[in-house]
N, C-alpha and C. Protein backbone atom coordinates (compact mmCIF):
# COMPACT_ATOMS: atom_id res chain seq x y z
N MET A 1 95.29 99.18 106.51
CA MET A 1 95.45 99.26 107.94
C MET A 1 94.38 100.20 108.48
N GLY A 2 93.72 99.79 109.52
CA GLY A 2 92.66 100.59 110.11
C GLY A 2 93.14 101.43 111.27
N PRO A 3 92.22 102.18 111.86
CA PRO A 3 92.57 103.03 113.00
C PRO A 3 92.86 102.19 114.24
N PRO A 4 93.64 102.74 115.19
CA PRO A 4 93.96 101.98 116.40
C PRO A 4 92.75 101.83 117.32
N ASP A 5 92.76 100.73 118.11
CA ASP A 5 91.72 100.55 119.13
C ASP A 5 92.15 101.27 120.41
N ASP A 6 91.42 101.09 121.49
CA ASP A 6 91.71 101.80 122.74
C ASP A 6 93.08 101.45 123.32
N ALA A 7 93.60 100.28 123.02
CA ALA A 7 94.91 99.87 123.53
C ALA A 7 96.04 100.19 122.55
N GLY A 8 95.70 100.85 121.44
CA GLY A 8 96.72 101.23 120.46
C GLY A 8 97.03 100.19 119.41
N TRP A 9 96.27 99.08 119.36
CA TRP A 9 96.48 98.05 118.35
C TRP A 9 95.84 98.49 117.04
N ARG A 10 96.55 98.30 115.94
CA ARG A 10 96.03 98.59 114.60
C ARG A 10 95.86 97.28 113.84
N PRO A 11 94.73 97.13 113.16
CA PRO A 11 94.52 95.89 112.40
C PRO A 11 95.43 95.82 111.17
N LEU A 12 95.86 94.62 110.85
CA LEU A 12 96.68 94.36 109.66
C LEU A 12 96.05 93.21 108.89
N THR A 13 95.97 93.35 107.58
CA THR A 13 95.50 92.27 106.72
C THR A 13 96.36 92.28 105.46
N PHE A 14 96.84 91.11 105.08
CA PHE A 14 97.65 90.97 103.88
C PHE A 14 96.91 90.07 102.91
N ALA A 15 96.82 90.48 101.66
CA ALA A 15 96.17 89.67 100.63
C ALA A 15 97.04 88.43 100.36
N PRO A 16 96.47 87.23 100.45
CA PRO A 16 97.27 86.01 100.25
C PRO A 16 98.04 86.00 98.93
N GLU A 17 97.42 86.53 97.88
CA GLU A 17 98.09 86.51 96.57
C GLU A 17 99.28 87.47 96.52
N SER A 18 99.39 88.37 97.48
CA SER A 18 100.52 89.31 97.50
C SER A 18 101.71 88.76 98.29
N LEU A 19 101.54 87.61 98.95
CA LEU A 19 102.60 87.04 99.77
C LEU A 19 103.51 86.17 98.92
N ALA A 20 104.79 86.44 98.95
CA ALA A 20 105.78 85.65 98.23
C ALA A 20 106.57 84.85 99.25
N ILE A 21 106.19 83.60 99.45
CA ILE A 21 106.87 82.74 100.43
C ILE A 21 107.64 81.69 99.66
N PRO A 22 108.97 81.71 99.76
CA PRO A 22 109.74 80.71 99.01
C PRO A 22 109.50 79.30 99.55
N SER A 23 109.63 78.33 98.68
CA SER A 23 109.50 76.93 99.09
C SER A 23 110.64 76.57 100.04
N LEU A 24 110.37 75.62 100.91
CA LEU A 24 111.41 75.08 101.78
C LEU A 24 112.12 73.97 101.03
N ASP A 25 113.45 73.94 101.12
CA ASP A 25 114.24 72.90 100.47
C ASP A 25 115.39 72.52 101.39
N GLY A 26 116.39 71.84 100.88
CA GLY A 26 117.51 71.39 101.69
C GLY A 26 118.30 72.52 102.34
N ARG A 27 118.25 73.73 101.76
CA ARG A 27 118.96 74.88 102.34
C ARG A 27 118.14 75.59 103.40
N SER A 28 116.83 75.53 103.29
CA SER A 28 115.99 76.36 104.17
C SER A 28 115.03 75.57 105.06
N GLY A 29 114.88 74.28 104.84
CA GLY A 29 113.91 73.50 105.61
C GLY A 29 114.52 72.29 106.26
N ARG A 30 113.93 71.90 107.39
CA ARG A 30 114.40 70.74 108.13
C ARG A 30 113.21 69.87 108.52
N ILE A 31 113.45 68.57 108.55
CA ILE A 31 112.49 67.60 109.04
C ILE A 31 113.21 66.76 110.07
N LEU A 32 112.65 66.69 111.26
CA LEU A 32 113.26 65.95 112.36
C LEU A 32 114.71 66.39 112.60
N GLY A 33 114.97 67.68 112.41
CA GLY A 33 116.28 68.25 112.66
C GLY A 33 117.28 68.09 111.53
N LEU A 34 116.89 67.43 110.44
CA LEU A 34 117.80 67.21 109.31
C LEU A 34 117.33 68.01 108.10
N PRO A 35 118.29 68.48 107.26
CA PRO A 35 117.89 69.20 106.04
C PRO A 35 117.03 68.31 105.14
N LEU A 36 116.13 68.93 104.40
CA LEU A 36 115.34 68.16 103.44
C LEU A 36 116.27 67.53 102.41
N PRO A 37 116.00 66.29 102.00
CA PRO A 37 116.85 65.63 101.01
C PRO A 37 116.79 66.34 99.65
N PRO A 38 117.84 66.18 98.82
CA PRO A 38 117.83 66.78 97.48
C PRO A 38 116.61 66.32 96.69
N GLY A 39 116.01 67.25 95.94
CA GLY A 39 114.84 66.95 95.12
C GLY A 39 113.53 67.07 95.86
N LEU A 40 113.57 67.17 97.18
CA LEU A 40 112.37 67.30 97.99
C LEU A 40 112.19 68.76 98.40
N ALA A 41 110.99 69.27 98.28
CA ALA A 41 110.70 70.65 98.67
C ALA A 41 109.28 70.72 99.24
N ILE A 42 109.02 71.77 99.98
CA ILE A 42 107.68 72.01 100.53
C ILE A 42 107.24 73.39 100.07
N ARG A 43 106.18 73.41 99.27
CA ARG A 43 105.60 74.67 98.79
C ARG A 43 104.58 75.15 99.81
N ILE A 44 104.61 76.45 100.10
CA ILE A 44 103.68 77.04 101.05
C ILE A 44 102.68 77.89 100.28
N VAL A 45 101.39 77.54 100.40
CA VAL A 45 100.32 78.27 99.70
C VAL A 45 99.48 78.98 100.77
N PRO A 46 99.72 80.28 100.97
CA PRO A 46 99.00 81.00 102.04
C PRO A 46 97.53 81.23 101.70
N HIS A 47 96.70 81.15 102.75
CA HIS A 47 95.26 81.45 102.62
C HIS A 47 94.88 82.70 103.41
N ARG A 48 95.58 82.92 104.52
CA ARG A 48 95.23 84.06 105.38
C ARG A 48 96.45 84.51 106.17
N LEU A 49 96.64 85.82 106.22
CA LEU A 49 97.63 86.43 107.10
C LEU A 49 97.01 87.74 107.56
N ALA A 50 96.55 87.75 108.80
CA ALA A 50 95.85 88.94 109.33
C ALA A 50 96.00 88.96 110.84
N GLY A 51 95.98 90.17 111.38
CA GLY A 51 96.09 90.30 112.82
C GLY A 51 96.16 91.75 113.24
N ARG A 52 97.15 92.03 114.10
CA ARG A 52 97.23 93.39 114.63
C ARG A 52 98.66 93.76 114.98
N TRP A 53 98.88 95.08 115.08
CA TRP A 53 100.19 95.66 115.34
C TRP A 53 100.01 96.79 116.33
N GLN A 54 100.87 96.87 117.32
CA GLN A 54 100.84 97.95 118.30
C GLN A 54 102.10 98.80 118.11
N PRO A 55 101.98 99.92 117.40
CA PRO A 55 103.17 100.73 117.09
C PRO A 55 103.98 101.15 118.31
N ALA A 56 103.33 101.47 119.43
CA ALA A 56 104.06 101.95 120.61
C ALA A 56 105.03 100.91 121.17
N SER A 57 104.64 99.64 121.13
CA SER A 57 105.50 98.58 121.69
C SER A 57 106.24 97.79 120.62
N GLY A 58 105.80 97.88 119.38
CA GLY A 58 106.37 97.07 118.30
C GLY A 58 105.83 95.66 118.25
N ALA A 59 104.82 95.37 119.09
CA ALA A 59 104.23 94.02 119.13
C ALA A 59 103.40 93.76 117.87
N VAL A 60 103.47 92.52 117.40
CA VAL A 60 102.68 92.08 116.24
C VAL A 60 102.12 90.70 116.56
N GLU A 61 100.87 90.46 116.18
CA GLU A 61 100.22 89.16 116.27
C GLU A 61 99.49 88.93 114.95
N LEU A 62 99.82 87.86 114.26
CA LEU A 62 99.21 87.55 112.97
C LEU A 62 98.75 86.10 112.93
N VAL A 63 97.52 85.88 112.51
CA VAL A 63 97.03 84.52 112.26
C VAL A 63 97.48 84.14 110.86
N PHE A 64 98.14 82.98 110.76
CA PHE A 64 98.64 82.49 109.48
C PHE A 64 98.00 81.15 109.19
N GLU A 65 97.35 81.06 108.03
CA GLU A 65 96.74 79.81 107.58
C GLU A 65 97.27 79.52 106.18
N ALA A 66 97.72 78.28 105.97
CA ALA A 66 98.29 77.92 104.68
C ALA A 66 98.19 76.42 104.45
N ARG A 67 98.37 76.04 103.19
CA ARG A 67 98.53 74.64 102.80
C ARG A 67 100.01 74.43 102.51
N PHE A 68 100.56 73.34 102.99
CA PHE A 68 101.93 72.98 102.69
C PHE A 68 101.86 71.78 101.75
N GLN A 69 102.54 71.88 100.61
CA GLN A 69 102.52 70.83 99.60
C GLN A 69 103.90 70.20 99.48
N LEU A 70 103.97 68.88 99.62
CA LEU A 70 105.22 68.14 99.50
C LEU A 70 105.50 67.88 98.02
N LEU A 71 106.66 68.33 97.55
CA LEU A 71 107.03 68.19 96.15
C LEU A 71 108.26 67.30 96.02
N LEU A 72 108.21 66.40 95.07
CA LEU A 72 109.37 65.59 94.72
C LEU A 72 109.65 65.87 93.26
N ALA A 73 110.83 66.42 92.98
CA ALA A 73 111.20 66.82 91.62
C ALA A 73 110.14 67.75 91.03
N GLY A 74 109.59 68.63 91.86
CA GLY A 74 108.64 69.64 91.39
C GLY A 74 107.20 69.17 91.26
N ARG A 75 106.90 67.92 91.61
CA ARG A 75 105.54 67.40 91.49
C ARG A 75 104.98 67.06 92.87
N CYS A 76 103.70 67.39 93.09
CA CYS A 76 103.04 67.06 94.36
C CYS A 76 102.96 65.54 94.49
N VAL A 77 103.35 65.04 95.68
CA VAL A 77 103.38 63.58 95.87
C VAL A 77 102.57 63.13 97.07
N ALA A 78 101.86 64.06 97.71
CA ALA A 78 101.11 63.70 98.92
C ALA A 78 99.99 64.70 99.13
N PRO A 79 99.05 64.36 100.01
CA PRO A 79 97.99 65.32 100.34
C PRO A 79 98.58 66.57 100.98
N ASP A 80 97.92 67.70 100.76
CA ASP A 80 98.35 68.94 101.37
C ASP A 80 98.23 68.88 102.89
N LEU A 81 99.14 69.55 103.58
CA LEU A 81 99.07 69.70 105.03
C LEU A 81 98.45 71.06 105.33
N GLN A 82 97.41 71.08 106.13
CA GLN A 82 96.77 72.34 106.52
C GLN A 82 97.43 72.83 107.80
N VAL A 83 97.94 74.06 107.77
CA VAL A 83 98.63 74.63 108.93
C VAL A 83 97.95 75.92 109.34
N HIS A 84 97.78 76.08 110.66
CA HIS A 84 97.15 77.26 111.24
C HIS A 84 97.96 77.61 112.49
N THR A 85 98.46 78.85 112.55
CA THR A 85 99.25 79.25 113.72
C THR A 85 99.15 80.75 113.96
N LEU A 86 99.55 81.14 115.16
CA LEU A 86 99.68 82.55 115.50
C LEU A 86 101.15 82.90 115.43
N LEU A 87 101.49 83.85 114.56
CA LEU A 87 102.84 84.39 114.48
C LEU A 87 102.89 85.62 115.37
N THR A 88 103.89 85.70 116.24
CA THR A 88 103.94 86.77 117.23
C THR A 88 105.37 87.26 117.44
N THR A 89 105.49 88.50 117.88
CA THR A 89 106.80 89.03 118.26
C THR A 89 107.10 88.70 119.72
N ALA A 90 106.17 88.05 120.41
CA ALA A 90 106.38 87.61 121.80
C ALA A 90 106.92 86.18 121.76
N ALA A 91 106.67 85.41 122.80
CA ALA A 91 107.10 84.02 122.84
C ALA A 91 106.01 83.12 122.26
N ALA A 92 106.43 82.04 121.63
CA ALA A 92 105.51 81.02 121.12
C ALA A 92 105.98 79.67 121.64
N ALA A 93 105.04 78.88 122.10
CA ALA A 93 105.40 77.57 122.63
C ALA A 93 104.35 76.55 122.25
N GLY A 94 104.83 75.39 121.87
CA GLY A 94 103.97 74.25 121.61
C GLY A 94 104.27 73.18 122.63
N ARG A 95 103.91 71.99 122.29
CA ARG A 95 104.16 70.88 123.20
C ARG A 95 105.64 70.50 123.24
N TYR A 96 106.34 70.62 122.08
CA TYR A 96 107.72 70.17 121.98
C TYR A 96 108.71 71.28 121.62
N GLN A 97 108.21 72.38 121.10
CA GLN A 97 109.10 73.43 120.61
C GLN A 97 108.68 74.78 121.14
N SER A 98 109.64 75.70 121.20
CA SER A 98 109.34 77.07 121.59
C SER A 98 110.35 78.01 120.95
N ALA A 99 109.99 79.27 120.90
CA ALA A 99 110.88 80.29 120.34
C ALA A 99 110.47 81.65 120.89
N GLN A 100 111.40 82.58 120.84
CA GLN A 100 111.15 83.94 121.31
C GLN A 100 111.27 84.89 120.13
N GLY A 101 110.24 85.69 119.89
CA GLY A 101 110.28 86.70 118.85
C GLY A 101 110.91 87.97 119.37
N SER A 102 110.93 89.01 118.53
CA SER A 102 111.39 90.32 118.98
C SER A 102 110.51 91.39 118.36
N PRO A 103 110.12 92.40 119.16
CA PRO A 103 109.25 93.46 118.68
C PRO A 103 109.89 94.23 117.52
N LEU A 104 109.04 94.86 116.74
CA LEU A 104 109.54 95.65 115.62
C LEU A 104 110.31 96.85 116.15
N ALA A 105 111.48 97.08 115.57
CA ALA A 105 112.29 98.25 115.91
C ALA A 105 111.75 99.46 115.14
N GLU A 106 112.36 100.60 115.34
CA GLU A 106 111.91 101.82 114.65
C GLU A 106 111.94 101.69 113.14
N ASP A 107 112.89 100.90 112.61
CA ASP A 107 112.98 100.71 111.16
C ASP A 107 112.01 99.64 110.65
N GLY A 108 111.21 99.05 111.56
CA GLY A 108 110.21 98.05 111.17
C GLY A 108 110.72 96.62 111.19
N HIS A 109 112.00 96.39 111.49
CA HIS A 109 112.53 95.04 111.55
C HIS A 109 112.19 94.36 112.86
N GLY A 110 111.87 93.07 112.79
CA GLY A 110 111.57 92.28 113.97
C GLY A 110 111.60 90.81 113.64
N VAL A 111 111.28 89.99 114.62
CA VAL A 111 111.24 88.54 114.41
C VAL A 111 109.88 88.03 114.89
N LEU A 112 109.18 87.35 113.98
CA LEU A 112 107.91 86.69 114.30
C LEU A 112 108.19 85.21 114.50
N VAL A 113 107.54 84.63 115.51
CA VAL A 113 107.68 83.21 115.77
C VAL A 113 106.31 82.57 115.92
N GLY A 114 106.24 81.29 115.64
CA GLY A 114 104.99 80.56 115.82
C GLY A 114 105.27 79.08 115.88
N VAL A 115 104.44 78.37 116.61
CA VAL A 115 104.50 76.91 116.66
C VAL A 115 103.12 76.41 116.26
N ALA A 116 103.09 75.63 115.19
CA ALA A 116 101.82 75.14 114.66
C ALA A 116 101.70 73.64 114.82
N PRO A 117 100.57 73.19 115.33
CA PRO A 117 100.34 71.74 115.32
C PRO A 117 100.10 71.29 113.87
N VAL A 118 100.68 70.16 113.51
CA VAL A 118 100.49 69.62 112.16
C VAL A 118 99.86 68.24 112.32
N PRO A 119 98.61 68.10 111.88
CA PRO A 119 97.92 66.82 112.05
C PRO A 119 98.45 65.76 111.08
N ALA A 120 98.17 64.53 111.38
CA ALA A 120 98.51 63.43 110.48
C ALA A 120 97.72 63.58 109.19
N THR A 121 98.31 63.13 108.08
CA THR A 121 97.65 63.23 106.78
C THR A 121 96.76 62.04 106.49
N GLY A 122 97.04 60.91 107.16
CA GLY A 122 96.32 59.68 106.85
C GLY A 122 97.06 58.83 105.83
N THR A 123 98.12 59.39 105.25
CA THR A 123 98.98 58.66 104.33
C THR A 123 100.14 58.12 105.15
N TRP A 124 100.16 56.80 105.40
CA TRP A 124 101.08 56.22 106.37
C TRP A 124 102.53 56.57 106.14
N TRP A 125 103.01 56.49 104.87
CA TRP A 125 104.43 56.73 104.61
C TRP A 125 104.80 58.19 104.86
N LEU A 126 103.89 59.10 104.54
CA LEU A 126 104.16 60.52 104.76
C LEU A 126 104.13 60.84 106.24
N ASP A 127 103.14 60.32 106.95
CA ASP A 127 103.05 60.56 108.39
C ASP A 127 104.31 60.04 109.09
N ARG A 128 104.77 58.88 108.68
CA ARG A 128 105.98 58.32 109.30
C ARG A 128 107.21 59.14 108.94
N PHE A 129 107.34 59.52 107.68
CA PHE A 129 108.50 60.30 107.21
C PHE A 129 108.58 61.65 107.92
N LEU A 130 107.43 62.32 108.09
CA LEU A 130 107.40 63.65 108.70
C LEU A 130 107.22 63.61 110.22
N GLY A 131 106.98 62.42 110.77
CA GLY A 131 106.77 62.32 112.21
C GLY A 131 105.45 62.93 112.64
N LEU A 132 104.40 62.72 111.84
CA LEU A 132 103.10 63.32 112.13
C LEU A 132 102.21 62.37 112.90
N PRO A 133 101.37 62.88 113.75
CA PRO A 133 101.17 64.31 114.01
C PRO A 133 102.39 64.89 114.73
N GLY A 134 102.58 66.19 114.55
CA GLY A 134 103.74 66.86 115.13
C GLY A 134 103.54 68.36 115.19
N GLU A 135 104.65 69.06 115.18
CA GLU A 135 104.63 70.53 115.25
C GLU A 135 105.59 71.10 114.22
N ALA A 136 105.27 72.30 113.76
CA ALA A 136 106.16 73.04 112.88
C ALA A 136 106.52 74.34 113.57
N LEU A 137 107.81 74.64 113.60
CA LEU A 137 108.32 75.87 114.21
C LEU A 137 108.65 76.85 113.10
N ALA A 138 108.14 78.08 113.23
CA ALA A 138 108.46 79.15 112.28
C ALA A 138 109.21 80.26 113.01
N VAL A 139 110.31 80.69 112.44
CA VAL A 139 111.06 81.84 112.92
C VAL A 139 111.30 82.72 111.69
N LEU A 140 110.63 83.86 111.65
CA LEU A 140 110.64 84.71 110.47
C LEU A 140 111.18 86.10 110.77
N ARG A 141 112.27 86.43 110.13
CA ARG A 141 112.76 87.81 110.22
C ARG A 141 111.93 88.61 109.23
N CYS A 142 111.44 89.75 109.67
CA CYS A 142 110.53 90.51 108.81
C CYS A 142 110.77 92.00 108.96
N GLN A 143 110.13 92.75 108.07
CA GLN A 143 110.12 94.20 108.16
C GLN A 143 108.74 94.68 107.77
N LEU A 144 108.13 95.48 108.63
CA LEU A 144 106.82 96.08 108.35
C LEU A 144 107.06 97.49 107.88
N LEU A 145 106.64 97.78 106.67
CA LEU A 145 106.76 99.12 106.11
C LEU A 145 105.38 99.75 106.10
N VAL A 146 105.25 100.91 106.69
CA VAL A 146 103.97 101.61 106.74
C VAL A 146 104.03 102.75 105.74
N GLY A 147 103.04 102.75 104.82
CA GLY A 147 102.99 103.79 103.79
C GLY A 147 102.44 105.10 104.32
N GLU A 148 102.34 106.06 103.44
CA GLU A 148 101.85 107.40 103.77
C GLU A 148 100.47 107.38 104.39
N GLU A 149 99.61 106.42 103.93
CA GLU A 149 98.25 106.38 104.45
C GLU A 149 98.18 105.79 105.84
N GLY A 150 99.25 105.04 106.31
CA GLY A 150 99.24 104.33 107.57
C GLY A 150 99.54 105.21 108.71
């Protein structure tokens, strides 16, 4: 974490290999409002998570870039989906979906939200199954812990 700018924002960068994002499955993921079917999962492979944090307000803005891989019985069955979005503690809105985040509290807990456009893959059955092109809504409860050096 670097020093704050004139508005009090501090840069944040997370190493992709340090991010542990569980796969989406029937308990945690939905497609077209329905839980993912048994045996189907979506693995999230992060490439970038970086942005800024304003300690005085608790505001956070992070650019998130990742590949989403569709798995059937643990095996990739389709081309990866490239996702790019802004995760924020403010409001996020897309064409069809929206959500409201919440600033980090004193203990570092908050809610990040983002709406990402998801382009078509070019694989007809997958595009039809996922309703692509479309949007993905993320609502993430999080905690930012600042170490002694921060």
